[in-house]
Amino acid sequence: MPTAVMAALRRVLRPLVRLMIRHGITLPAMVELLKQALVDVAIRDFPVEGKRTTDSRISVLTGVHRKDVKRLRGAEPEKADVPKQVSLGMQLVNAWMTDPALLDEQGHPLPLPRTSQDGSPSL
């Protein structure tokens, strides 16, 4: 892949990754969204005139496994969305990064103390 394209993608991805982390979207959820987008774009924007678009063609074009292509083509849009399960750790990080009580004036997360004011471990 051309270096300039990779550099441009890296610049575009950084704010998206920041948004993902801020909202607790994990890599597996993002991979699922990316697969859906690849399949959708391949079907809509890269047809071969006079031929039907097969799962195999989409798989070769996108790198998405044929079984995933088949599943995603048959999925209703809401079922292909981000999974509703988010790990407890990501829920905690999301709360820390979005709860106004835990943010400074600029909206950045405040440092979390390791111990409470009385010296016991902070929960």
C-alpha atoms as a PDB file:
ATOM      1  CA  MET A   1       0.000   0.000   0.000  1.00  0.00           C
ATOM      2  CA  PRO A   2       1.376   3.442  -0.810  1.00  0.00           C
ATOM      3  CA  THR A   3       3.112   5.147   2.100  1.00  0.00           C
ATOM      4  CA  ALA A   4       1.153   8.370   1.586  1.00  0.00           C
ATOM      5  CA  VAL A   5      -2.146   6.500   1.876  1.00  0.00           C
ATOM      6  CA  MET A   6      -0.992   4.778   5.066  1.00  0.00           C
ATOM      7  CA  ALA A   7       0.115   8.128   6.543  1.00  0.00           C
ATOM      8  CA  ALA A   8      -3.257   9.689   5.685  1.00  0.00           C
ATOM      9  CA  LEU A   9      -5.106   6.746   7.225  1.00  0.00           C
ATOM     10  CA  ARG A  10      -3.016   7.031  10.389  1.00  0.00           C
ATOM     11  CA  ARG A  11      -3.983  10.723  10.688  1.00  0.00           C
ATOM     12  CA  VAL A  12      -7.667   9.908  10.165  1.00  0.00           C
ATOM     13  CA  LEU A  13      -7.632   6.983  12.597  1.00  0.00           C
ATOM     14  CA  ARG A  14      -6.109   8.828  15.562  1.00  0.00           C
ATOM     15  CA  PRO A  15      -9.215  10.940  16.338  1.00  0.00           C
ATOM     16  CA  LEU A  16     -11.466   7.944  15.683  1.00  0.00           C
ATOM     17  CA  VAL A  17      -9.458   5.826  18.120  1.00  0.00           C
ATOM     18  CA  ARG A  18      -9.625   8.627  20.682  1.00  0.00           C
ATOM     19  CA  LEU A  19     -13.426   8.659  20.264  1.00  0.00           C
ATOM     20  CA  MET A  20     -13.578   4.861  20.552  1.00  0.00           C
ATOM     21  CA  ILE A  21     -11.588   4.828  23.776  1.00  0.00           C
ATOM     22  CA  ARG A  22     -13.570   7.720  25.235  1.00  0.00           C
ATOM     23  CA  HIS A  23     -16.815   5.821  24.652  1.00  0.00           C
ATOM     24  CA  GLY A  24     -15.631   2.354  25.617  1.00  0.00           C
ATOM     25  CA  ILE A  25     -15.637   0.866  22.119  1.00  0.00           C
ATOM     26  CA  THR A  26     -13.210  -2.046  22.101  1.00  0.00           C
ATOM     27  CA  LEU A  27     -11.091  -3.383  19.249  1.00  0.00           C
ATOM     28  CA  PRO A  28     -13.369  -6.398  18.621  1.00  0.00           C
ATOM     29  CA  ALA A  29     -16.360  -4.065  18.284  1.00  0.00           C
ATOM     30  CA  MET A  30     -14.450  -1.796  15.909  1.00  0.00           C
ATOM     31  CA  VAL A  31     -13.253  -4.761  13.836  1.00  0.00           C
ATOM     32  CA  GLU A  32     -16.885  -5.834  13.447  1.00  0.00           C
ATOM     33  CA  LEU A  33     -17.849  -2.325  12.303  1.00  0.00           C
ATOM     34  CA  LEU A  34     -14.932  -2.230   9.874  1.00  0.00           C
ATOM     35  CA  LYS A  35     -15.889  -5.610   8.400  1.00  0.00           C
ATOM     36  CA  GLN A  36     -19.466  -4.370   7.888  1.00  0.00           C
ATOM     37  CA  ALA A  37     -18.229  -1.183   6.218  1.00  0.00           C
ATOM     38  CA  LEU A  38     -15.853  -3.112   3.939  1.00  0.00           C
ATOM     39  CA  VAL A  39     -18.619  -5.480   2.842  1.00  0.00           C
ATOM     40  CA  ASP A  40     -21.127  -2.645   2.307  1.00  0.00           C
ATOM     41  CA  VAL A  41     -18.692  -0.562   0.244  1.00  0.00           C
ATOM     42  CA  ALA A  42     -17.552  -3.548  -1.815  1.00  0.00           C
ATOM     43  CA  ILE A  43     -21.171  -4.386  -2.687  1.00  0.00           C
ATOM     44  CA  ARG A  44     -22.303  -0.826  -3.424  1.00  0.00           C
ATOM     45  CA  ASP A  45     -19.214   0.807  -4.926  1.00  0.00           C
ATOM     46  CA  PHE A  46     -17.264  -2.000  -6.629  1.00  0.00           C
ATOM     47  CA  PRO A  47     -19.709  -4.108  -8.651  1.00  0.00           C
ATOM     48  CA  VAL A  48     -18.570  -5.902 -11.800  1.00  0.00           C
ATOM     49  CA  GLU A  49     -20.870  -4.935 -14.650  1.00  0.00           C
ATOM     50  CA  GLY A  50     -22.958  -7.839 -15.867  1.00  0.00           C
ATOM     51  CA  LYS A  51     -21.984 -10.151 -12.992  1.00  0.00           C
ATOM     52  CA  ARG A  52     -23.502 -10.714  -9.595  1.00  0.00           C
ATOM     53  CA  THR A  53     -21.361  -9.837  -6.606  1.00  0.00           C
ATOM     54  CA  THR A  54     -20.437 -13.100  -4.876  1.00  0.00           C
ATOM     55  CA  ASP A  55     -19.248 -13.625  -1.328  1.00  0.00           C
ATOM     56  CA  SER A  56     -15.955 -14.904  -2.742  1.00  0.00           C
ATOM     57  CA  ARG A  57     -15.414 -11.735  -4.780  1.00  0.00           C
ATOM     58  CA  ILE A  58     -16.163  -9.542  -1.765  1.00  0.00           C
ATOM     59  CA  SER A  59     -13.810 -11.639   0.346  1.00  0.00           C
ATOM     60  CA  VAL A  60     -10.961 -11.309  -2.164  1.00  0.00           C
ATOM     61  CA  LEU A  61     -11.595  -7.583  -2.593  1.00  0.00           C
ATOM     62  CA  THR A  62     -11.769  -6.756   1.136  1.00  0.00           C
ATOM     63  CA  GLY A  63      -9.862  -9.472   2.968  1.00  0.00           C
ATOM     64  CA  VAL A  64     -12.958 -10.252   5.050  1.00  0.00           C
ATOM     65  CA  HIS A  65     -13.397 -14.036   5.444  1.00  0.00           C
ATOM     66  CA  ARG A  66     -16.172 -15.539   3.291  1.00  0.00           C
ATOM     67  CA  LYS A  67     -18.099 -16.825   6.324  1.00  0.00           C
ATOM     68  CA  ASP A  68     -18.124 -13.274   7.734  1.00  0.00           C
ATOM     69  CA  VAL A  69     -19.175 -11.844   4.358  1.00  0.00           C
ATOM     70  CA  LYS A  70     -22.100 -14.288   4.247  1.00  0.00           C
ATOM     71  CA  ARG A  71     -23.107 -13.456   7.826  1.00  0.00           C
ATOM     72  CA  LEU A  72     -22.830  -9.697   7.284  1.00  0.00           C
ATOM     73  CA  ARG A  73     -24.729  -9.729   3.992  1.00  0.00           C
ATOM     74  CA  GLY A  74     -27.628 -11.513   5.682  1.00  0.00           C
ATOM     75  CA  ALA A  75     -27.554  -9.465   8.892  1.00  0.00           C
ATOM     76  CA  GLU A  76     -30.057  -6.782   9.661  1.00  0.00           C
ATOM     77  CA  PRO A  77     -28.247  -3.448  10.175  1.00  0.00           C
ATOM     78  CA  GLU A  78     -28.920  -3.313  13.920  1.00  0.00           C
ATOM     79  CA  LYS A  79     -27.562  -6.845  14.362  1.00  0.00           C
ATOM     80  CA  ALA A  80     -24.330  -5.906  12.590  1.00  0.00           C
ATOM     81  CA  ASP A  81     -23.836  -2.937  14.918  1.00  0.00           C
ATOM     82  CA  VAL A  82     -21.398  -2.658  17.795  1.00  0.00           C
ATOM     83  CA  PRO A  83     -21.959  -5.425  20.337  1.00  0.00           C
ATOM     84  CA  LYS A  84     -23.855  -4.224  23.391  1.00  0.00           C
ATOM     85  CA  GLN A  85     -21.468  -5.981  25.794  1.00  0.00           C
ATOM     86  CA  VAL A  86     -18.649  -3.800  27.068  1.00  0.00           C
ATOM     87  CA  SER A  87     -16.144  -5.102  29.586  1.00  0.00           C
ATOM     88  CA  LEU A  88     -16.283  -3.869  33.176  1.00  0.00           C
ATOM     89  CA  GLY A  89     -12.827  -2.339  32.753  1.00  0.00           C
ATOM     90  CA  MET A  90     -13.969  -0.342  29.730  1.00  0.00           C
ATOM     91  CA  GLN A  91     -17.098   0.772  31.602  1.00  0.00           C
ATOM     92  CA  LEU A  92     -14.892   2.045  34.431  1.00  0.00           C
ATOM     93  CA  VAL A  93     -12.524   3.847  32.045  1.00  0.00           C
ATOM     94  CA  ASN A  94     -15.509   5.345  30.226  1.00  0.00           C
ATOM     95  CA  ALA A  95     -17.000   6.584  33.511  1.00  0.00           C
ATOM     96  CA  TRP A  96     -13.649   8.075  34.541  1.00  0.00           C
ATOM     97  CA  MET A  97     -13.313   9.861  31.180  1.00  0.00           C
ATOM     98  CA  THR A  98     -16.912  11.144  30.941  1.00  0.00           C
ATOM     99  CA  ASP A  99     -18.253  11.690  34.489  1.00  0.00           C
ATOM    100  CA  PRO A 100     -18.210  15.471  35.118  1.00  0.00           C
ATOM    101  CA  ALA A 101     -17.274  14.846  38.776  1.00  0.00           C
ATOM    102  CA  LEU A 102     -14.059  13.171  37.584  1.00  0.00           C
ATOM    103  CA  LEU A 103     -13.077  15.782  34.968  1.00  0.00           C
ATOM    104  CA  ASP A 104     -11.094  19.003  35.284  1.00  0.00           C
ATOM    105  CA  GLU A 105     -12.202  22.385  33.870  1.00  0.00           C
ATOM    106  CA  GLN A 106     -10.888  21.474  30.408  1.00  0.00           C
ATOM    107  CA  GLY A 107     -12.825  18.187  30.391  1.00  0.00           C
ATOM    108  CA  HIS A 108      -9.763  15.997  30.960  1.00  0.00           C
ATOM    109  CA  PRO A 109      -9.934  13.103  33.456  1.00  0.00           C
ATOM    110  CA  LEU A 110      -8.554  13.941  36.883  1.00  0.00           C
ATOM    111  CA  PRO A 111      -5.848  11.695  38.362  1.00  0.00           C
ATOM    112  CA  LEU A 112      -7.393   9.005  40.522  1.00  0.00           C
ATOM    113  CA  PRO A 113      -5.843   8.624  43.978  1.00  0.00           C
ATOM    114  CA  ARG A 114      -4.531   5.187  44.912  1.00  0.00           C
ATOM    115  CA  THR A 115      -5.611   5.683  48.511  1.00  0.00           C
ATOM    116  CA  SER A 116      -8.524   7.494  50.090  1.00  0.00           C
ATOM    117  CA  GLN A 117      -8.104  10.493  52.341  1.00  0.00           C
ATOM    118  CA  ASP A 118      -7.975   8.238  55.416  1.00  0.00           C
ATOM    119  CA  GLY A 119      -5.152   6.154  53.897  1.00  0.00           C
ATOM    120  CA  SER A 120      -7.193   3.083  53.010  1.00  0.00           C
ATOM    121  CA  PRO A 121      -7.054   1.743  49.410  1.00  0.00           C
ATOM    122  CA  SER A 122      -9.201   3.778  47.033  1.00  0.00           C
ATOM    123  CA  LEU A 123     -11.979   1.920  45.275  1.00  0.00           C
END
